[in-house]
N, C-alpha and C. Protein backbone atom coordinates (compact mmCIF):
# COMPACT_ATOMS: atom_id res chain seq x y z
N UNK A 1 7.36 11.84 -11.03
CA UNK A 1 8.69 12.48 -10.75
C UNK A 1 9.55 12.41 -12.11
N UNK A 2 10.31 13.32 -12.29
CA UNK A 2 11.18 13.36 -13.30
C UNK A 2 12.79 13.09 -13.09
N UNK A 3 13.53 12.70 -13.86
CA UNK A 3 15.05 12.66 -13.60
C UNK A 3 15.70 13.38 -14.75
N UNK A 4 16.79 13.99 -14.41
CA UNK A 4 17.55 14.83 -15.32
C UNK A 4 18.53 13.97 -16.28
N UNK A 5 18.68 12.84 -15.81
CA UNK A 5 19.83 12.10 -16.52
C UNK A 5 19.37 10.96 -17.39
N UNK A 6 18.15 11.30 -17.97
CA UNK A 6 17.76 10.23 -19.06
C UNK A 6 17.48 8.86 -18.61
N UNK A 7 17.36 8.75 -17.32
CA UNK A 7 16.93 7.45 -16.72
C UNK A 7 15.39 7.28 -16.81
N UNK A 8 14.84 6.25 -16.95
CA UNK A 8 13.25 6.23 -16.96
C UNK A 8 12.60 7.00 -15.91
N UNK A 9 11.47 7.42 -16.10
CA UNK A 9 10.76 8.30 -15.26
C UNK A 9 10.39 7.18 -13.97
N UNK A 10 10.27 8.01 -12.74
CA UNK A 10 10.23 7.11 -11.56
C UNK A 10 8.80 7.08 -11.42
N UNK A 11 7.80 7.75 -12.02
CA UNK A 11 6.30 7.70 -11.70
C UNK A 11 5.87 6.39 -12.37
N UNK A 12 6.69 5.55 -13.04
CA UNK A 12 6.36 4.58 -13.65
C UNK A 12 6.74 3.22 -12.96
N UNK A 13 6.80 3.38 -11.73
CA UNK A 13 7.06 2.34 -10.76
C UNK A 13 5.92 1.72 -10.21
N UNK A 14 4.78 1.71 -10.73
CA UNK A 14 3.60 1.19 -10.09
C UNK A 14 3.87 -0.25 -10.17
N UNK A 15 3.15 -1.04 -9.20
CA UNK A 15 3.22 -2.25 -9.15
C UNK A 15 2.67 -3.15 -10.22
N UNK A 16 3.67 -3.99 -10.77
CA UNK A 16 2.95 -4.82 -11.87
C UNK A 16 1.77 -5.68 -11.41
N UNK A 17 0.82 -5.72 -12.32
CA UNK A 17 -0.49 -6.34 -11.92
C UNK A 17 -0.12 -7.85 -11.72
N UNK A 18 -0.79 -8.50 -10.60
CA UNK A 18 -0.44 -9.88 -10.35
C UNK A 18 -0.83 -10.77 -11.58
N UNK A 19 -0.14 -11.95 -11.68
CA UNK A 19 -0.43 -13.03 -12.63
C UNK A 19 -2.03 -13.24 -12.57
N UNK A 20 -2.62 -13.65 -13.56
CA UNK A 20 -3.87 -14.14 -13.69
C UNK A 20 -4.93 -13.01 -14.34
N UNK A 21 -6.13 -13.33 -14.21
CA UNK A 21 -7.02 -12.36 -14.83
C UNK A 21 -7.36 -11.16 -14.19
N UNK A 22 -7.67 -10.15 -14.80
CA UNK A 22 -7.97 -8.71 -14.36
C UNK A 22 -9.28 -8.80 -13.49
N UNK A 23 -9.38 -8.31 -12.24
CA UNK A 23 -10.66 -8.31 -11.53
C UNK A 23 -11.74 -7.68 -12.25
N UNK A 24 -12.88 -8.37 -12.16
CA UNK A 24 -14.11 -7.40 -12.91
C UNK A 24 -14.80 -6.84 -11.72
N UNK A 25 -14.46 -5.51 -11.41
CA UNK A 25 -14.97 -4.77 -10.42
C UNK A 25 -16.39 -4.22 -10.53
N UNK A 26 -17.41 -4.41 -9.52
CA UNK A 26 -18.72 -3.83 -9.82
C UNK A 26 -19.14 -2.72 -9.03
N UNK A 27 -18.11 -2.34 -8.07
CA UNK A 27 -18.62 -1.37 -6.96
C UNK A 27 -19.30 -1.80 -5.69
N UNK A 28 -19.55 -3.14 -5.61
CA UNK A 28 -19.98 -3.85 -4.52
C UNK A 28 -18.65 -4.27 -3.62
N UNK A 29 -18.31 -3.89 -2.40
CA UNK A 29 -17.23 -4.17 -1.76
C UNK A 29 -17.02 -5.61 -1.61
N UNK A 30 -17.93 -6.33 -1.31
CA UNK A 30 -17.74 -7.93 -0.99
C UNK A 30 -17.42 -8.66 -2.30
N UNK A 31 -18.04 -8.16 -3.34
CA UNK A 31 -17.85 -8.93 -4.73
C UNK A 31 -16.69 -8.50 -5.06
N UNK A 32 -16.07 -7.12 -5.06
CA UNK A 32 -14.94 -6.73 -5.66
C UNK A 32 -13.46 -7.18 -4.80
N UNK A 33 -13.79 -7.46 -3.53
CA UNK A 33 -12.79 -8.07 -2.66
C UNK A 33 -12.61 -9.56 -3.14
N UNK A 34 -13.48 -10.29 -3.29
CA UNK A 34 -13.56 -11.61 -3.96
C UNK A 34 -12.79 -11.78 -5.19
N UNK A 35 -13.25 -10.74 -6.23
CA UNK A 35 -12.56 -10.83 -7.56
C UNK A 35 -11.16 -10.28 -7.39
N UNK A 36 -10.71 -9.32 -6.44
CA UNK A 36 -9.42 -8.88 -6.12
C UNK A 36 -8.51 -10.21 -5.81
N UNK A 37 -9.02 -10.76 -4.68
CA UNK A 37 -8.18 -11.96 -4.24
C UNK A 37 -8.02 -12.85 -5.33
N UNK A 38 -9.05 -13.42 -5.97
CA UNK A 38 -9.10 -14.36 -6.96
C UNK A 38 -8.27 -14.13 -8.17
N UNK A 39 -8.19 -12.82 -8.54
CA UNK A 39 -7.29 -12.40 -9.75
C UNK A 39 -5.79 -12.46 -9.14
N UNK A 40 -5.45 -12.10 -8.05
CA UNK A 40 -4.13 -12.23 -7.51
C UNK A 40 -3.78 -13.61 -7.06
N UNK A 41 -4.51 -14.52 -7.29
CA UNK A 41 -4.15 -16.03 -6.87
C UNK A 41 -4.43 -16.41 -5.57
N UNK A 42 -5.01 -15.77 -4.85
CA UNK A 42 -5.34 -15.73 -3.33
C UNK A 42 -6.69 -16.58 -3.20
N UNK A 43 -6.76 -17.55 -2.35
CA UNK A 43 -8.09 -18.09 -2.14
C UNK A 43 -8.96 -17.16 -1.15
N UNK A 44 -10.09 -16.73 -1.62
CA UNK A 44 -11.11 -15.90 -0.72
C UNK A 44 -11.63 -16.48 0.66
N UNK A 45 -10.73 -16.72 1.53
CA UNK A 45 -11.24 -17.36 2.84
C UNK A 45 -11.97 -16.35 3.40
N UNK A 46 -12.74 -16.84 4.61
CA UNK A 46 -13.70 -15.96 5.25
C UNK A 46 -12.87 -14.74 5.92
N UNK A 47 -11.68 -15.06 6.52
CA UNK A 47 -10.83 -14.09 6.93
C UNK A 47 -10.36 -13.05 6.08
N UNK A 48 -9.69 -13.67 5.07
CA UNK A 48 -9.28 -12.62 3.98
C UNK A 48 -10.37 -11.86 3.43
N UNK A 49 -11.47 -12.20 3.17
CA UNK A 49 -12.70 -11.56 2.67
C UNK A 49 -12.97 -10.51 3.68
N UNK A 50 -13.16 -10.89 4.88
CA UNK A 50 -13.51 -9.98 5.88
C UNK A 50 -12.47 -8.76 6.16
N UNK A 51 -11.08 -9.14 6.21
CA UNK A 51 -10.12 -8.27 6.47
C UNK A 51 -9.91 -7.16 4.99
N UNK A 52 -10.30 -7.92 3.80
CA UNK A 52 -10.13 -7.25 2.72
C UNK A 52 -11.32 -6.24 2.46
N UNK A 53 -12.44 -6.51 2.94
CA UNK A 53 -13.67 -5.66 3.04
C UNK A 53 -13.20 -4.47 3.82
N UNK A 54 -12.73 -4.67 5.12
CA UNK A 54 -12.31 -3.58 5.86
C UNK A 54 -11.36 -2.80 5.22
N UNK A 55 -10.30 -3.24 4.53
CA UNK A 55 -9.27 -2.49 3.88
C UNK A 55 -9.76 -1.77 2.69
N UNK A 56 -10.44 -2.39 1.80
CA UNK A 56 -10.67 -1.87 0.56
C UNK A 56 -12.12 -1.20 0.36
N UNK A 57 -13.15 -1.35 1.37
CA UNK A 57 -14.26 -0.91 1.13
C UNK A 57 -14.53 0.39 1.56
N UNK A 58 -13.50 1.06 1.78
CA UNK A 58 -13.60 2.53 2.29
C UNK A 58 -12.55 3.55 1.42
N UNK A 59 -12.28 3.12 0.37
CA UNK A 59 -11.54 3.85 -0.44
C UNK A 59 -9.86 3.75 -0.25
N UNK A 60 -9.33 4.81 -0.69
CA UNK A 60 -7.77 4.71 -0.38
C UNK A 60 -7.33 4.97 1.09
N UNK A 61 -6.66 4.04 1.80
CA UNK A 61 -6.43 4.14 3.08
C UNK A 61 -4.93 3.90 3.47
N UNK A 62 -4.34 4.33 4.53
CA UNK A 62 -3.21 3.98 4.93
C UNK A 62 -3.30 3.42 6.54
N UNK A 63 -3.20 1.98 6.72
CA UNK A 63 -3.30 1.30 7.96
C UNK A 63 -2.07 0.60 8.51
N UNK A 64 -1.89 0.51 9.66
CA UNK A 64 -0.90 -0.34 10.32
C UNK A 64 -1.86 -1.51 10.72
N UNK A 65 -1.05 -2.62 10.84
CA UNK A 65 -1.51 -3.85 11.33
C UNK A 65 -2.47 -3.76 12.59
N UNK A 66 -2.04 -3.01 13.41
CA UNK A 66 -2.71 -2.79 14.62
C UNK A 66 -3.96 -2.02 14.56
N UNK A 67 -3.90 -0.89 13.53
CA UNK A 67 -5.10 -0.35 13.23
C UNK A 67 -6.24 -1.20 12.62
N UNK A 68 -5.73 -2.17 11.68
CA UNK A 68 -6.77 -3.02 11.01
C UNK A 68 -7.33 -3.89 12.07
N UNK A 69 -6.38 -4.38 12.85
CA UNK A 69 -6.90 -5.48 13.91
C UNK A 69 -7.70 -4.79 14.84
N UNK A 70 -7.66 -3.54 15.22
CA UNK A 70 -8.64 -2.91 15.97
C UNK A 70 -10.01 -2.51 15.33
N UNK A 71 -10.00 -2.24 13.92
CA UNK A 71 -11.16 -2.27 13.14
C UNK A 71 -11.83 -3.56 13.04
N UNK A 72 -11.13 -4.66 12.90
CA UNK A 72 -11.60 -5.91 12.70
C UNK A 72 -12.39 -6.38 14.21
N UNK A 73 -11.59 -6.05 15.30
CA UNK A 73 -12.13 -6.42 16.55
C UNK A 73 -13.54 -5.67 16.81
N UNK A 74 -13.53 -4.48 16.37
CA UNK A 74 -14.78 -3.62 16.56
C UNK A 74 -15.91 -4.10 15.53
N UNK A 75 -15.62 -4.57 14.35
CA UNK A 75 -16.51 -5.31 13.52
C UNK A 75 -17.09 -6.67 13.84
N UNK A 76 -16.46 -7.24 14.99
CA UNK A 76 -16.69 -8.50 15.37
C UNK A 76 -16.19 -9.56 14.32
N UNK A 77 -15.01 -9.37 13.68
CA UNK A 77 -14.34 -10.35 12.95
C UNK A 77 -13.38 -10.98 13.77
N UNK A 78 -13.44 -12.26 13.76
CA UNK A 78 -12.68 -13.13 14.85
C UNK A 78 -11.35 -13.39 14.11
N UNK A 79 -10.32 -12.67 14.23
CA UNK A 79 -9.10 -12.77 13.65
C UNK A 79 -8.00 -12.38 14.72
N UNK A 80 -6.81 -13.02 14.86
CA UNK A 80 -5.73 -12.61 15.69
C UNK A 80 -4.85 -11.69 14.95
N UNK A 81 -4.07 -10.94 15.79
CA UNK A 81 -3.03 -10.08 15.24
C UNK A 81 -2.16 -10.55 14.44
N UNK A 82 -1.75 -12.01 14.64
CA UNK A 82 -1.02 -12.79 13.60
C UNK A 82 -1.53 -12.79 12.25
N UNK A 83 -2.73 -13.11 12.20
CA UNK A 83 -3.60 -13.41 11.01
C UNK A 83 -3.60 -12.13 10.26
N UNK A 84 -3.84 -10.90 10.96
CA UNK A 84 -3.87 -9.81 10.34
C UNK A 84 -2.60 -9.47 9.68
N UNK A 85 -1.31 -9.65 10.39
CA UNK A 85 -0.24 -9.36 9.70
C UNK A 85 0.16 -10.32 8.57
N UNK A 86 -0.35 -11.56 8.76
CA UNK A 86 0.11 -12.48 7.59
C UNK A 86 -0.78 -12.19 6.41
N UNK A 87 -2.10 -11.68 6.43
CA UNK A 87 -2.84 -11.36 5.42
C UNK A 87 -2.45 -10.19 4.87
N UNK A 88 -1.98 -9.05 5.65
CA UNK A 88 -1.46 -7.89 4.92
C UNK A 88 -0.17 -8.18 4.16
N UNK A 89 0.74 -9.12 4.75
CA UNK A 89 1.95 -9.47 3.97
C UNK A 89 1.54 -10.17 2.79
N UNK A 90 0.55 -11.01 2.77
CA UNK A 90 0.01 -11.83 1.55
C UNK A 90 -0.43 -10.94 0.34
N UNK A 91 -1.21 -9.88 0.94
CA UNK A 91 -1.94 -9.03 0.07
C UNK A 91 -0.82 -8.08 -0.72
N UNK A 92 0.28 -7.67 0.20
CA UNK A 92 1.45 -6.91 -0.36
C UNK A 92 2.03 -7.73 -1.36
N UNK A 93 2.42 -8.96 -1.19
CA UNK A 93 3.04 -9.87 -1.83
C UNK A 93 2.54 -10.01 -3.32
N UNK A 94 0.86 -9.99 -3.19
CA UNK A 94 0.17 -10.15 -4.45
C UNK A 94 -0.03 -8.93 -5.21
N UNK A 95 0.59 -7.88 -4.48
CA UNK A 95 0.61 -6.46 -5.32
C UNK A 95 -0.80 -5.60 -5.08
N UNK A 96 -1.54 -6.15 -4.04
CA UNK A 96 -2.79 -5.46 -3.99
C UNK A 96 -2.68 -4.33 -2.70
N UNK A 97 -1.54 -4.37 -2.12
CA UNK A 97 -1.21 -3.23 -0.97
C UNK A 97 0.20 -2.88 -1.37
N UNK A 98 0.65 -1.75 -0.84
CA UNK A 98 1.99 -1.22 -0.82
C UNK A 98 2.26 -1.13 0.60
N UNK A 99 3.41 -1.31 0.85
CA UNK A 99 3.99 -1.21 2.27
C UNK A 99 4.82 0.05 2.16
N UNK A 100 4.67 1.10 3.27
CA UNK A 100 5.37 2.18 3.50
C UNK A 100 5.80 2.25 4.97
N UNK A 101 7.17 2.32 5.01
CA UNK A 101 7.83 2.35 6.51
C UNK A 101 8.18 3.63 6.86
N UNK A 102 7.89 3.91 8.08
CA UNK A 102 8.18 5.19 8.80
C UNK A 102 8.96 4.89 9.90
N UNK A 103 10.23 5.58 9.97
CA UNK A 103 11.22 5.41 11.05
C UNK A 103 11.83 3.96 11.15
N UNK A 104 11.46 3.07 10.23
CA UNK A 104 11.95 1.77 10.39
C UNK A 104 11.25 0.80 11.56
N UNK A 105 10.35 1.66 12.14
CA UNK A 105 9.66 0.67 13.24
C UNK A 105 8.06 0.81 12.96
N UNK A 106 7.64 1.57 12.06
CA UNK A 106 6.11 1.39 11.95
C UNK A 106 5.83 1.44 10.45
N UNK A 107 5.04 0.41 10.19
CA UNK A 107 4.91 0.17 8.71
C UNK A 107 3.39 0.23 8.51
N UNK A 108 3.05 1.14 7.46
CA UNK A 108 1.77 1.20 7.06
C UNK A 108 1.45 0.43 5.68
N UNK A 109 0.30 0.06 5.57
CA UNK A 109 -0.10 -0.58 4.18
C UNK A 109 -1.17 0.33 3.54
N UNK A 110 -0.79 0.68 2.32
CA UNK A 110 -1.51 1.57 1.54
C UNK A 110 -2.29 1.00 0.64
N UNK A 111 -3.57 1.12 0.65
CA UNK A 111 -4.40 0.58 -0.61
C UNK A 111 -4.21 1.03 -1.81
N UNK A 112 -3.59 2.25 -2.09
CA UNK A 112 -3.26 2.74 -3.22
C UNK A 112 -1.98 2.26 -3.73
N UNK A 113 -1.87 1.48 -4.66
CA UNK A 113 -0.62 0.89 -5.08
C UNK A 113 0.26 1.65 -6.29
N UNK A 114 -0.69 2.96 -6.72
CA UNK A 114 0.13 3.48 -7.89
C UNK A 114 1.21 4.22 -7.20
N UNK A 115 2.07 4.88 -8.26
CA UNK A 115 3.43 5.50 -7.76
C UNK A 115 2.93 6.91 -7.10
N UNK A 116 3.25 6.99 -6.05
CA UNK A 116 3.00 8.21 -5.12
C UNK A 116 3.92 8.42 -3.98
N UNK A 117 3.78 9.50 -3.33
CA UNK A 117 4.65 9.70 -2.15
C UNK A 117 3.77 10.36 -1.01
N UNK A 118 4.36 10.30 0.11
CA UNK A 118 3.38 10.57 1.37
C UNK A 118 4.19 11.59 2.24
N UNK A 119 3.18 12.32 2.98
CA UNK A 119 3.49 13.11 4.18
C UNK A 119 3.24 12.20 5.35
N UNK A 120 4.13 12.48 6.27
CA UNK A 120 3.91 11.75 7.77
C UNK A 120 3.62 12.75 8.54
N UNK A 121 2.31 12.84 9.27
CA UNK A 121 2.15 13.99 10.24
C UNK A 121 2.43 13.34 11.69
N UNK A 122 3.59 13.67 12.11
CA UNK A 122 4.21 13.38 13.20
C UNK A 122 3.41 13.41 14.50
N UNK A 123 2.85 14.53 14.53
CA UNK A 123 1.78 14.82 15.70
C UNK A 123 0.83 13.78 15.95
N UNK A 124 0.09 13.15 14.86
CA UNK A 124 -0.96 12.19 15.02
C UNK A 124 -0.72 10.85 14.37
N UNK A 125 0.61 10.71 13.99
CA UNK A 125 0.93 9.43 13.45
C UNK A 125 0.25 8.97 12.26
N UNK A 126 0.10 9.92 11.22
CA UNK A 126 -0.89 9.67 10.29
C UNK A 126 -0.23 9.83 8.91
N UNK A 127 -0.37 9.03 8.02
CA UNK A 127 0.29 8.96 6.46
C UNK A 127 -0.76 9.46 5.62
N UNK A 128 -0.32 10.48 4.78
CA UNK A 128 -1.30 11.12 3.94
C UNK A 128 -0.60 11.28 2.37
N UNK A 129 -1.34 10.82 1.44
CA UNK A 129 -0.67 11.09 0.12
C UNK A 129 -0.54 12.24 -0.31
N UNK A 130 0.76 12.69 -0.95
CA UNK A 130 1.21 13.85 -1.47
C UNK A 130 0.45 14.11 -2.72
N UNK A 131 -0.46 15.05 -2.91
CA UNK A 131 -1.22 15.24 -4.11
C UNK A 131 -0.35 15.69 -5.29
N UNK A 132 0.76 16.24 -5.18
CA UNK A 132 1.35 16.71 -6.41
C UNK A 132 2.29 15.67 -7.07
N UNK A 133 1.80 15.19 -8.32
CA UNK A 133 2.55 14.26 -9.09
C UNK A 133 3.99 14.76 -9.71
N UNK A 134 4.11 16.11 -9.47
CA UNK A 134 5.39 16.58 -10.07
C UNK A 134 6.55 16.78 -9.36
N UNK A 135 6.61 16.04 -8.34
CA UNK A 135 7.81 16.04 -7.48
C UNK A 135 9.21 15.75 -8.45
N UNK A 136 10.23 16.55 -8.16
CA UNK A 136 11.42 16.20 -9.17
C UNK A 136 12.54 15.74 -8.20
N UNK A 137 13.19 14.50 -8.72
CA UNK A 137 14.29 14.04 -8.07
C UNK A 137 15.58 14.36 -9.05
N UNK A 138 16.41 15.28 -8.82
CA UNK A 138 17.26 15.82 -9.78
C UNK A 138 18.42 14.86 -10.15
N UNK A 139 18.56 13.89 -9.23
CA UNK A 139 19.61 12.96 -9.80
C UNK A 139 19.43 11.62 -8.90
N UNK A 140 19.88 10.66 -9.31
CA UNK A 140 19.64 9.15 -8.91
C UNK A 140 21.08 8.77 -8.48
N UNK A 141 21.06 8.00 -7.32
CA UNK A 141 22.54 7.40 -7.10
C UNK A 141 22.76 6.29 -7.99
N UNK A 142 24.06 6.08 -8.29
CA UNK A 142 24.51 4.82 -9.00
C UNK A 142 24.07 3.66 -8.25
N UNK A 143 23.55 2.71 -9.09
CA UNK A 143 22.97 1.51 -8.42
C UNK A 143 24.08 0.24 -8.67
N UNK A 144 24.40 -0.48 -7.60
CA UNK A 144 25.46 -1.29 -7.58
C UNK A 144 25.08 -2.51 -8.74
N UNK A 145 26.16 -3.04 -9.22
CA UNK A 145 25.93 -3.98 -10.29
C UNK A 145 25.01 -5.03 -10.10
N UNK A 146 24.32 -5.35 -10.83
CA UNK A 146 23.40 -6.59 -10.49
C UNK A 146 22.07 -6.15 -9.80
N UNK A 147 21.99 -4.96 -9.55
CA UNK A 147 20.59 -4.43 -9.00
C UNK A 147 19.94 -3.35 -9.87
N UNK A 148 18.58 -3.18 -9.58
CA UNK A 148 17.87 -2.02 -10.15
C UNK A 148 17.00 -1.59 -9.18
N UNK A 149 16.57 -0.43 -9.41
CA UNK A 149 15.80 0.45 -8.50
C UNK A 149 14.37 -0.21 -8.54
N UNK A 150 13.70 -0.64 -7.62
CA UNK A 150 12.50 -1.24 -7.72
C UNK A 150 11.15 -0.25 -7.47
N UNK A 151 11.61 0.72 -6.51
CA UNK A 151 10.67 1.79 -6.01
C UNK A 151 11.20 2.79 -5.33
N UNK A 152 10.74 4.12 -5.53
CA UNK A 152 11.47 4.98 -4.42
C UNK A 152 10.16 5.61 -3.83
N UNK A 153 10.38 5.51 -2.29
CA UNK A 153 9.38 5.85 -1.57
C UNK A 153 9.77 7.23 -0.84
N UNK A 154 9.20 8.37 -0.89
CA UNK A 154 9.49 9.51 -0.24
C UNK A 154 8.52 9.85 0.82
N UNK A 155 8.89 9.98 2.01
CA UNK A 155 8.01 10.40 2.98
C UNK A 155 8.53 11.55 3.54
N UNK A 156 7.64 12.62 3.64
CA UNK A 156 7.93 14.05 4.08
C UNK A 156 7.26 14.13 5.32
N UNK A 157 8.13 14.31 6.35
CA UNK A 157 7.74 14.36 7.75
C UNK A 157 7.21 15.83 8.10
N UNK A 158 6.06 15.83 8.56
CA UNK A 158 5.61 17.28 8.81
C UNK A 158 5.25 17.38 10.51
N UNK A 159 5.16 18.61 11.06
CA UNK A 159 4.69 18.65 12.54
C UNK A 159 4.22 19.91 12.49
N UNK A 160 3.23 20.20 13.63
CA UNK A 160 2.61 21.58 13.78
C UNK A 160 3.73 22.42 14.15
N UNK A 161 3.53 23.78 13.61
CA UNK A 161 4.55 24.99 13.92
C UNK A 161 4.51 25.13 15.41
N UNK A 162 5.58 25.36 15.90
CA UNK A 162 5.80 25.71 17.33
C UNK A 162 5.83 27.22 17.72
């Protein structure tokens, strides 16, 4: 996204890499999840590994905690919904996931932490990446003293034509 008032470009709002070493990814989901957790300073417990494998083993995804819990249950991963929430929040805090709120009541966790925006398909409650990186926000609001913009999340709500 570009701005017209010489402020820094908003597409540069990628999450900073967590402290520690960069993960040595191999393409093996189990190994890569282990590397991602360790590089983010998180201990690769059995539950984190299993949930990480479900999250990151299928490419870029948008999941709610309830969706991940359902997948874990179907995969016979013994976790509680509270553990799923705690793990998602830990992975978000570590910079491995991006939180996207819709309506203030539904929170999705995005495995793609790069700067991008979303379509929200109202009819089937699905979050989809907007493929166009050239969205333009023509002006930015003045930020109160002592604050800076951390990230801008644009969610464009779509519904089927009537």
